[in-house]
Amino acid sequence: MSLILSRLKCPWCETPVTKAELKEKNLLQVYLKRQAFPCPHCNQSITLPERAEKMISSGLFVSVFLAPVFAYGGWLSINPALLFSLGVALVLTGVYFQKLQKVTASHE
């Protein structure tokens, strides 16, 4: 699953990289597999790390699924509002850290 909640900029040329550009240059599958691919603008190697997307997915799971389940069931006396807030915090942290990274020769 590839979440793009904001425009991701190439760390080399600071130009936004869109899915349409990646699809046009047949790089979308490489991007979705989290492998190194050349920027459509400057041809420098970049990659999308999975760390931020895991945080976003975890935050969505906690706030959309777990918080309502705990509110309905009342299990473990956990406040559902705090659980929802934790999920929102995870999503916002993931969005903040969702950035393309430079790939150097040692990373390839």
Protein backbone atom coordinates (compact mmCIF):
# COMPACT_ATOMS: atom_id res chain seq x y z
CA MET A 1 0.00 0.00 0.00
CA SER A 2 1.47 3.32 -0.98
CA LEU A 3 0.04 6.30 0.78
CA ILE A 4 0.78 9.70 -0.59
CA LEU A 5 -0.87 12.27 1.61
CA SER A 6 1.33 15.13 0.48
CA ARG A 7 3.40 15.85 -2.58
CA LEU A 8 6.70 14.10 -2.17
CA LYS A 9 9.69 16.13 -3.36
CA CYS A 10 12.88 14.76 -4.80
CA PRO A 11 15.65 15.35 -2.25
CA TRP A 12 18.10 16.16 -5.05
CA CYS A 13 16.20 18.73 -7.13
CA GLU A 14 13.31 19.62 -4.73
CA THR A 15 10.76 19.07 -7.51
CA PRO A 16 7.51 17.25 -6.59
CA VAL A 17 7.31 13.69 -7.94
CA THR A 18 3.78 12.64 -8.86
CA LYS A 19 2.34 9.24 -9.60
CA ALA A 20 1.35 10.44 -13.08
CA GLU A 21 4.98 11.23 -13.92
CA LEU A 22 6.12 7.88 -12.57
CA LYS A 23 3.47 6.07 -14.58
CA GLU A 24 4.42 7.98 -17.73
CA LYS A 25 8.09 6.90 -17.39
CA ASN A 26 7.19 3.30 -16.36
CA LEU A 27 8.64 3.78 -12.86
CA LEU A 28 5.44 3.32 -10.86
CA GLN A 29 5.94 -0.40 -10.16
CA VAL A 30 9.51 0.18 -8.99
CA TYR A 31 8.27 3.00 -6.73
CA LEU A 32 5.52 0.82 -5.26
CA LYS A 33 8.04 -1.97 -4.53
CA ARG A 34 10.15 0.54 -2.57
CA GLN A 35 13.17 0.02 -4.80
CA ALA A 36 15.56 2.73 -5.92
CA PHE A 37 14.39 4.57 -9.03
CA PRO A 38 15.61 7.62 -10.96
CA CYS A 39 13.87 10.93 -10.38
CA PRO A 40 11.79 11.84 -13.46
CA HIS A 41 13.32 15.34 -13.41
CA CYS A 42 17.02 15.03 -12.50
CA ASN A 43 17.62 11.24 -12.96
CA GLN A 44 19.28 10.93 -9.52
CA SER A 45 18.44 7.77 -7.56
CA ILE A 46 15.73 8.09 -4.90
CA THR A 47 13.54 5.72 -2.90
CA LEU A 48 10.45 5.78 -0.71
CA PRO A 49 11.14 4.29 2.73
CA GLU A 50 8.46 2.18 4.37
CA ARG A 51 8.89 3.54 7.91
CA ALA A 52 6.50 6.49 7.57
CA GLU A 53 3.77 4.48 5.87
CA LYS A 54 3.83 1.91 8.65
CA MET A 55 3.20 4.69 11.16
CA ILE A 56 0.32 6.06 9.10
CA SER A 57 -1.25 2.62 8.69
CA SER A 58 -0.85 1.86 12.40
CA GLY A 59 -2.38 5.20 13.35
CA LEU A 60 -5.36 4.62 11.07
CA PHE A 61 -5.87 1.14 12.55
CA VAL A 62 -5.78 2.46 16.11
CA SER A 63 -8.03 5.46 15.55
CA VAL A 64 -10.54 3.92 13.11
CA PHE A 65 -10.78 0.34 14.40
CA LEU A 66 -9.47 -0.03 17.95
CA ALA A 67 -10.88 3.18 19.47
CA PRO A 68 -14.50 2.39 18.47
CA VAL A 69 -14.13 -1.24 19.61
CA PHE A 70 -12.89 -0.14 23.02
CA ALA A 71 -15.64 2.51 23.22
CA TYR A 72 -18.33 -0.06 22.46
CA GLY A 73 -16.97 -2.87 24.61
CA GLY A 74 -15.51 -0.85 27.46
CA TRP A 75 -12.64 -3.31 27.82
CA LEU A 76 -9.63 -2.77 30.05
CA SER A 77 -11.00 0.61 31.14
CA ILE A 78 -9.00 2.35 28.41
CA ASN A 79 -10.38 5.75 27.50
CA PRO A 80 -11.35 5.57 23.78
CA ALA A 81 -10.64 9.29 23.35
CA LEU A 82 -7.03 8.74 24.42
CA LEU A 83 -6.74 5.75 22.10
CA PHE A 84 -8.14 7.83 19.23
CA SER A 85 -5.69 10.64 20.07
CA LEU A 86 -2.82 8.16 19.98
CA GLY A 87 -3.92 7.03 16.51
CA VAL A 88 -4.14 10.61 15.26
CA ALA A 89 -0.68 11.34 16.67
CA LEU A 90 0.73 8.31 14.84
CA VAL A 91 -0.86 9.42 11.56
CA LEU A 92 0.47 12.98 11.89
CA THR A 93 3.96 11.75 12.78
CA GLY A 94 3.93 9.42 9.77
CA VAL A 95 2.83 12.22 7.45
CA TYR A 96 5.61 14.44 8.78
CA PHE A 97 8.29 11.80 8.14
CA GLN A 98 6.94 10.64 4.74
CA LYS A 99 9.71 11.82 2.41
CA LEU A 100 11.68 10.48 -0.50
CA GLN A 101 15.29 9.67 0.35
CA LYS A 102 18.51 9.96 -1.58
CA VAL A 103 20.08 6.69 -2.65
CA THR A 104 23.85 6.63 -2.63
CA ALA A 105 26.10 3.87 -3.92
CA SER A 106 26.25 2.24 -0.47
CA HIS A 107 22.43 1.97 -0.26
CA GLU A 108 21.97 0.30 -3.61
